[in-house]
């Protein structure tokens, strides 16, 4: 199974972030602009939380709070689960399922190097299954592995 760093190398290392005192409305605007479901919340370079679409719905909309005046710190998920680039996709899928999170920052040598979402992991797993299916199909047809070149 592939590593998280491989996924980041393909999708990019962009980290979309905001600060704890940013109004939720501005954070939602950033999420929409970047077409992401969550933003890392950080003070300087230190991650202090993650704010996601789910946080906005459950802690702002359902609580009938004002998005223009409520700071991100009031609705963000404070416990940040991080992984390293050498973590395997299956391990991270299990961790995200167990912790019930959809986005995790990727940290290497104490520095943030990217973010991974469940969508990224599902795409990776789906691609691997497609390749496995292709190889098995070719094997059954007798066309795998290809004959050696002369």
Foldseek 3Di string as FASTA:
>chain_A
DDFQLVLCVVPHQDAAAEEQQQQQVVVVVSCVVVVHFKHFYDDPQHTQFIDGPVLCVPVDVVVVHDSRHHGNNRRTGGDADEAERRDDLVVVVVVCVVVVHFKHFYDDPRGTRHMDGVVSSVVVVVVVVVVVVVQVVCVVVVCPPPDDDD
